[in-house]
């Protein structure tokens, strides 16, 4: 079916396309830029902690926690401890409203 086949004309003469009014769950350009800025700020906050920085880099590659642990050679305890350090650093900034976490 072509888009032109779905066009309708309203009573006031306005042409209505169902495709134009379809909602998308995809983020718009502004939201993508805001998210990118937030990720960069978070990465700067943890840059001095190489384990946490490496975990975040792996997360950006969509790795699962078990894959991250295996790739970085971390035990479950080491991984969980690093994530706790991450949360302790980022959470205060989120509470102050610096991030949309």
Protein backbone atom coordinates (compact mmCIF):
# COMPACT_ATOMS: atom_id res chain seq x y z
CA UNK A 1 0.00 0.00 0.00
CA UNK A 2 1.32 3.46 -0.86
CA UNK A 3 1.14 6.40 1.53
CA UNK A 4 -0.89 8.28 -1.06
CA UNK A 5 -3.56 5.56 -0.78
CA UNK A 6 -3.93 6.24 2.97
CA UNK A 7 -4.36 10.03 2.73
CA UNK A 8 -7.72 11.42 3.80
CA UNK A 9 -9.21 14.88 3.56
CA UNK A 10 -10.78 16.41 6.65
CA UNK A 11 -13.98 18.48 6.53
CA UNK A 12 -11.92 21.67 6.54
CA UNK A 13 -9.96 20.48 3.49
CA UNK A 14 -6.81 19.56 5.38
CA UNK A 15 -5.05 16.45 4.05
CA UNK A 16 -4.45 13.94 6.84
CA UNK A 17 -1.82 11.22 6.66
CA UNK A 18 -2.08 8.41 9.20
CA UNK A 19 1.66 7.90 8.87
CA UNK A 20 2.40 11.49 9.88
CA UNK A 21 0.39 11.11 13.06
CA UNK A 22 1.87 7.73 13.98
CA UNK A 23 3.82 7.88 17.22
CA UNK A 24 7.34 6.62 17.48
CA UNK A 25 9.12 5.39 20.58
CA UNK A 26 12.45 6.33 19.04
CA UNK A 27 14.15 9.25 20.78
CA UNK A 28 14.32 12.53 18.92
CA UNK A 29 17.58 14.34 18.16
CA UNK A 30 17.44 16.52 21.26
CA UNK A 31 16.96 13.57 23.59
CA UNK A 32 19.85 11.73 21.94
CA UNK A 33 22.16 14.73 22.49
CA UNK A 34 21.09 15.09 26.13
CA UNK A 35 21.70 11.39 26.75
CA UNK A 36 25.12 11.58 25.07
CA UNK A 37 26.07 14.55 27.27
CA UNK A 38 24.93 12.69 30.39
CA UNK A 39 26.96 9.60 29.47
CA UNK A 40 30.05 11.76 28.89
CA UNK A 41 29.61 13.45 32.29
CA UNK A 42 29.21 10.09 34.00
CA UNK A 43 32.32 8.76 32.26
CA UNK A 44 34.31 11.79 33.47
CA UNK A 45 33.06 11.21 37.02
CA UNK A 46 34.48 7.68 37.06
CA UNK A 47 37.51 8.15 34.79
CA UNK A 48 39.96 7.66 37.66
CA UNK A 49 38.45 4.24 38.49
CA UNK A 50 39.66 2.04 35.64
CA UNK A 51 37.52 -0.95 36.60
CA UNK A 52 34.32 1.10 36.64
CA UNK A 53 35.33 2.90 33.44
CA UNK A 54 35.91 -0.44 31.73
CA UNK A 55 32.58 -1.78 32.95
CA UNK A 56 30.78 1.29 31.57
CA UNK A 57 32.56 0.92 28.24
CA UNK A 58 31.41 -2.70 28.09
CA UNK A 59 27.85 -1.68 28.98
CA UNK A 60 27.88 0.74 26.07
CA UNK A 61 28.70 -2.27 23.90
CA UNK A 62 25.52 -3.94 25.23
CA UNK A 63 27.41 -6.63 27.12
CA UNK A 64 25.61 -8.49 29.87
CA UNK A 65 27.03 -8.41 33.42
CA UNK A 66 28.29 -12.00 33.11
CA UNK A 67 29.99 -11.23 29.78
CA UNK A 68 31.54 -8.10 31.29
CA UNK A 69 32.86 -10.09 34.26
CA UNK A 70 34.30 -12.75 31.98
CA UNK A 71 35.85 -10.21 29.57
CA UNK A 72 37.41 -8.12 32.34
CA UNK A 73 38.35 -11.11 34.50
CA UNK A 74 36.25 -9.97 37.46
CA UNK A 75 34.64 -12.13 40.10
CA UNK A 76 30.99 -11.52 40.98
CA UNK A 77 32.12 -9.74 44.16
CA UNK A 78 34.60 -7.51 42.29
CA UNK A 79 31.95 -6.59 39.72
CA UNK A 80 29.31 -5.82 42.36
CA UNK A 81 31.81 -3.78 44.40
CA UNK A 82 32.74 -1.73 41.33
CA UNK A 83 29.06 -1.13 40.53
CA UNK A 84 28.52 0.01 44.12
CA UNK A 85 31.37 2.51 43.72
CA UNK A 86 29.78 3.67 40.46
CA UNK A 87 26.37 4.23 42.08
CA UNK A 88 27.90 6.07 45.03
CA UNK A 89 29.60 8.52 42.67
CA UNK A 90 26.71 9.07 40.29
CA UNK A 91 23.76 9.06 42.69
CA UNK A 92 24.55 12.43 44.35
CA UNK A 93 24.62 14.12 40.93
CA UNK A 94 21.32 12.51 40.00
CA UNK A 95 19.76 13.76 43.22
CA UNK A 96 20.90 17.31 42.45
CA UNK A 97 19.14 17.01 39.11
CA UNK A 98 22.25 17.00 36.92
CA UNK A 99 21.11 13.83 35.18
CA UNK A 100 17.78 12.39 34.09
CA UNK A 101 18.45 9.12 35.90
